[in-house]
N, C-alpha and C. Protein backbone atom coordinates (compact mmCIF):
# COMPACT_ATOMS: atom_id res chain seq x y z
N MET A 1 4.68 260.21 -209.74
CA MET A 1 6.08 260.63 -208.84
C MET A 1 6.28 258.85 -207.91
N PHE A 2 6.98 258.07 -208.18
CA PHE A 2 7.19 256.58 -207.42
C PHE A 2 7.92 256.81 -205.92
N LYS A 3 8.01 256.01 -205.50
CA LYS A 3 8.51 255.65 -204.36
C LYS A 3 8.60 254.61 -203.48
N LEU A 4 10.37 254.16 -202.99
CA LEU A 4 9.82 252.65 -202.60
C LEU A 4 9.46 252.57 -201.51
N LYS A 5 9.09 252.13 -200.83
CA LYS A 5 8.38 251.14 -200.04
C LYS A 5 9.43 250.82 -198.67
N LYS A 6 9.35 251.32 -197.81
CA LYS A 6 9.59 251.00 -196.82
C LYS A 6 9.71 249.88 -195.82
N THR A 7 9.75 248.80 -196.94
CA THR A 7 9.64 247.08 -196.54
C THR A 7 11.09 246.57 -197.14
N VAL A 8 11.78 247.32 -197.59
CA VAL A 8 13.10 247.13 -198.37
C VAL A 8 14.37 248.20 -197.23
N VAL A 9 14.81 247.92 -197.53
CA VAL A 9 16.14 249.31 -197.82
C VAL A 9 17.72 248.23 -198.87
N VAL A 10 18.60 249.50 -198.80
CA VAL A 10 19.81 248.85 -199.82
C VAL A 10 20.69 249.19 -199.31
N ARG A 11 21.61 248.21 -199.53
CA ARG A 11 23.32 247.89 -198.88
C ARG A 11 23.86 248.13 -199.97
N LYS A 12 25.01 248.65 -199.86
CA LYS A 12 26.22 248.66 -201.11
C LYS A 12 27.24 247.45 -200.03
N ILE A 13 28.27 246.35 -200.45
CA ILE A 13 29.04 245.52 -200.09
C ILE A 13 29.64 246.03 -201.55
N GLY A 14 30.59 246.37 -201.57
CA GLY A 14 31.83 246.37 -202.02
C GLY A 14 31.58 247.54 -203.27
N ASP A 15 31.68 246.97 -204.37
CA ASP A 15 30.89 247.18 -205.42
C ASP A 15 29.62 246.71 -206.21
N ASP A 16 28.71 245.61 -205.01
CA ASP A 16 27.79 245.49 -205.60
C ASP A 16 26.69 245.72 -204.41
N TYR A 17 25.58 246.31 -204.59
CA TYR A 17 24.27 246.93 -203.85
C TYR A 17 22.73 245.42 -203.45
N ILE A 18 22.68 245.88 -203.04
CA ILE A 18 21.61 244.92 -202.75
C ILE A 18 20.74 245.29 -202.12
N LEU A 19 19.41 245.07 -202.20
CA LEU A 19 18.12 245.37 -201.64
C LEU A 19 17.91 244.22 -200.40
N VAL A 20 17.44 245.08 -199.55
CA VAL A 20 17.48 244.00 -198.25
C VAL A 20 15.72 244.32 -197.29
N PRO A 21 14.77 243.14 -197.50
CA PRO A 21 13.88 243.36 -196.94
C PRO A 21 14.01 243.77 -195.16
N VAL A 22 12.89 244.39 -195.23
CA VAL A 22 13.10 244.53 -193.49
C VAL A 22 11.73 244.34 -192.59
N GLY A 23 11.86 244.34 -191.73
CA GLY A 23 10.66 243.63 -191.23
C GLY A 23 9.68 243.16 -191.06
N LYS A 24 8.34 242.90 -191.36
CA LYS A 24 7.56 241.54 -191.83
C LYS A 24 7.52 241.38 -192.98
N SER A 25 8.39 242.12 -193.96
CA SER A 25 8.59 241.97 -195.35
C SER A 25 9.46 240.72 -195.27
N SER A 26 10.86 240.82 -194.59
CA SER A 26 11.34 239.73 -194.69
C SER A 26 11.27 238.47 -195.01
N LYS A 27 9.52 238.48 -194.29
CA LYS A 27 9.54 236.71 -194.16
C LYS A 27 8.78 236.32 -195.54
N ASP A 28 8.22 237.01 -196.06
CA ASP A 28 7.77 237.44 -197.06
C ASP A 28 8.58 236.98 -198.49
N TYR A 29 9.65 237.51 -198.22
CA TYR A 29 10.86 237.77 -199.93
C TYR A 29 11.71 236.44 -199.44
N LYS A 30 12.06 236.64 -198.17
CA LYS A 30 12.84 235.15 -197.30
C LYS A 30 14.36 235.67 -198.60
N GLY A 31 14.92 236.73 -198.42
CA GLY A 31 16.27 236.32 -199.07
C GLY A 31 16.74 238.21 -200.18
N VAL A 32 16.90 238.51 -200.42
CA VAL A 32 17.56 239.50 -200.89
C VAL A 32 17.77 239.58 -202.32
N PHE A 33 17.57 240.89 -202.78
CA PHE A 33 17.88 241.18 -204.07
C PHE A 33 19.11 241.27 -204.34
N SER A 34 19.54 241.48 -205.55
CA SER A 34 20.93 242.02 -206.02
C SER A 34 20.87 242.41 -207.08
N LEU A 35 20.95 243.26 -207.48
CA LEU A 35 20.78 244.53 -208.22
C LEU A 35 21.72 245.39 -209.37
N THR A 36 21.27 245.61 -210.52
CA THR A 36 22.56 246.27 -211.48
C THR A 36 22.67 247.49 -210.77
N PRO A 37 23.87 247.42 -211.45
CA PRO A 37 24.09 249.14 -211.18
C PRO A 37 23.10 250.22 -211.69
N VAL A 38 22.31 250.44 -213.01
CA VAL A 38 21.43 250.94 -213.24
C VAL A 38 20.16 250.77 -212.47
N ALA A 39 20.30 249.21 -212.01
CA ALA A 39 19.11 249.85 -210.93
C ALA A 39 18.90 249.97 -209.73
N ALA A 40 20.70 250.05 -209.40
CA ALA A 40 21.12 250.46 -207.97
C ALA A 40 20.68 251.93 -208.26
N LEU A 41 20.99 252.91 -209.53
CA LEU A 41 20.77 254.20 -209.90
C LEU A 41 18.99 254.47 -209.51
N ILE A 42 18.59 253.67 -210.12
CA ILE A 42 16.96 253.61 -210.31
C ILE A 42 16.66 253.72 -208.53
N ILE A 43 17.34 252.58 -207.78
CA ILE A 43 16.47 252.35 -206.48
C ILE A 43 16.31 253.79 -205.48
N ASP A 44 18.26 253.95 -206.37
CA ASP A 44 18.69 255.46 -205.30
C ASP A 44 17.61 256.80 -205.62
N MET A 45 17.23 257.04 -206.39
CA MET A 45 16.21 257.57 -207.21
C MET A 45 14.89 258.19 -206.84
N LEU A 46 14.34 256.43 -206.82
CA LEU A 46 12.67 256.56 -206.20
C LEU A 46 13.00 256.76 -204.37
N ASN A 47 13.97 256.40 -203.71
CA ASN A 47 13.95 256.90 -202.74
C ASN A 47 13.93 258.53 -202.31
N ILE A 48 14.12 259.24 -203.76
CA ILE A 48 13.93 260.59 -202.95
C ILE A 48 12.17 260.98 -203.35
N GLY A 49 11.48 259.96 -204.62
CA GLY A 49 10.34 260.36 -204.74
C GLY A 49 10.56 260.55 -206.59
N ALA A 50 11.38 260.10 -207.30
CA ALA A 50 11.73 260.38 -208.54
C ALA A 50 10.47 260.02 -209.22
N GLN A 51 10.68 261.23 -210.44
CA GLN A 51 9.06 260.99 -211.33
C GLN A 51 10.17 259.65 -212.79
N LYS A 52 8.98 259.52 -213.82
CA LYS A 52 9.69 258.49 -214.74
C LYS A 52 10.88 258.85 -215.65
N GLU A 53 10.42 260.55 -215.67
CA GLU A 53 11.06 261.19 -216.19
C GLU A 53 12.82 261.24 -215.91
N GLU A 54 12.51 261.53 -214.61
CA GLU A 54 14.10 262.08 -213.64
C GLU A 54 14.91 260.97 -214.03
N LEU A 55 13.87 259.58 -213.63
CA LEU A 55 15.00 258.06 -213.76
C LEU A 55 15.25 257.91 -215.63
N VAL A 56 14.48 258.23 -216.31
CA VAL A 56 15.37 258.20 -217.47
C VAL A 56 16.35 259.23 -217.99
N ASN A 57 15.95 260.02 -217.51
CA ASN A 57 17.11 261.00 -217.93
C ASN A 57 18.49 260.64 -216.36
N SER A 58 18.05 260.32 -215.84
CA SER A 58 19.62 260.08 -215.06
C SER A 58 20.44 259.14 -215.49
N VAL A 59 19.59 257.66 -215.78
CA VAL A 59 20.07 256.24 -216.26
C VAL A 59 20.77 257.02 -217.80
N THR A 60 20.20 257.81 -218.79
CA THR A 60 20.95 258.14 -220.14
C THR A 60 22.71 259.07 -219.50
N ASN A 61 22.08 260.22 -218.66
CA ASN A 61 23.43 260.82 -218.27
C ASN A 61 24.64 259.65 -218.02
N GLU A 62 24.42 258.74 -216.69
CA GLU A 62 25.34 258.15 -216.09
C GLU A 62 25.71 256.86 -216.56
N PHE A 63 24.78 256.24 -217.74
CA PHE A 63 25.18 255.18 -218.43
C PHE A 63 25.39 255.10 -220.24
N ASP A 64 24.75 256.52 -220.70
CA ASP A 64 25.22 256.92 -221.74
C ASP A 64 24.91 255.75 -222.48
N ILE A 65 23.38 255.58 -222.40
CA ILE A 65 22.68 254.32 -223.35
C ILE A 65 21.32 255.44 -223.54
N ASP A 66 20.91 255.34 -225.18
CA ASP A 66 20.07 256.44 -225.18
C ASP A 66 18.23 256.55 -224.88
N GLU A 67 17.77 257.04 -225.13
CA GLU A 67 16.45 257.50 -224.34
C GLU A 67 15.78 256.14 -224.49
N THR A 68 15.51 255.77 -225.82
CA THR A 68 13.94 255.45 -226.03
C THR A 68 14.97 253.35 -225.59
N THR A 69 15.69 253.17 -224.59
CA THR A 69 16.84 252.18 -224.10
C THR A 69 16.02 252.39 -222.53
N ALA A 70 17.00 253.09 -221.92
CA ALA A 70 16.04 253.78 -220.73
C ALA A 70 15.22 253.65 -220.57
N LEU A 71 14.10 254.33 -221.06
CA LEU A 71 12.85 254.48 -221.09
C LEU A 71 12.11 252.79 -220.96
N LYS A 72 12.92 251.97 -221.95
CA LYS A 72 12.33 250.64 -222.14
C LYS A 72 13.09 249.98 -220.64
N ASP A 73 14.02 250.39 -220.31
CA ASP A 73 14.85 249.70 -219.12
C ASP A 73 14.48 249.77 -217.68
N VAL A 74 13.48 251.25 -218.08
CA VAL A 74 12.45 251.86 -216.12
C VAL A 74 11.65 251.33 -216.25
N GLU A 75 10.85 251.52 -217.70
CA GLU A 75 10.01 250.56 -217.56
C GLU A 75 9.29 248.88 -217.05
N ILE A 76 10.38 248.91 -217.55
CA ILE A 76 10.39 247.10 -217.17
C ILE A 76 10.17 246.79 -215.43
N PHE A 77 11.49 247.84 -214.79
CA PHE A 77 11.84 247.45 -213.74
C PHE A 77 11.17 247.84 -212.36
N LEU A 78 10.51 248.94 -213.09
CA LEU A 78 9.47 249.76 -212.21
C LEU A 78 7.76 248.98 -212.71
N GLU A 79 7.84 247.65 -213.33
CA GLU A 79 7.11 247.57 -213.42
C GLU A 79 6.77 246.07 -212.55
N ARG A 80 7.75 245.55 -212.48
CA ARG A 80 8.92 244.15 -212.03
C ARG A 80 8.18 245.06 -210.48
N LEU A 81 9.29 246.02 -210.56
CA LEU A 81 8.97 246.57 -208.74
C LEU A 81 7.52 247.16 -207.71
N SER A 82 6.32 246.79 -209.38
CA SER A 82 5.04 246.80 -208.91
C SER A 82 4.52 245.65 -208.47
N GLU A 83 5.19 244.59 -209.21
CA GLU A 83 4.93 242.92 -209.38
C GLU A 83 4.42 242.45 -207.69
N ILE A 84 5.87 243.14 -207.35
CA ILE A 84 6.71 242.61 -205.74
C ILE A 84 6.06 243.70 -204.69
N ASP A 85 5.26 244.21 -204.95
CA ASP A 85 4.33 245.75 -204.29
C ASP A 85 5.67 246.45 -203.62
N LEU A 86 6.55 246.87 -204.22
CA LEU A 86 7.89 247.26 -203.64
C LEU A 86 7.61 248.83 -203.54
N ILE A 87 6.76 249.48 -204.79
CA ILE A 87 6.34 250.55 -204.97
C ILE A 87 5.15 251.27 -205.25
């Protein structure tokens, strides 16, 4: 199970989603992260503690892409979130 840390919050501004560091983490990140629609969906799912399989299924259903591509995209995004200590 993956869960987004409480050091960031998601905000929707118009049609755009951004990830905003809060509290002490705002000093570490010094800015916000702009999210693609796929990334925003994954973040929403992480907020409820989704498994990787659930993330892949949601991406394939929402964006009409094949499972192999969705799996690759999800794994890359999770790896990036892990590298910056957000999951």
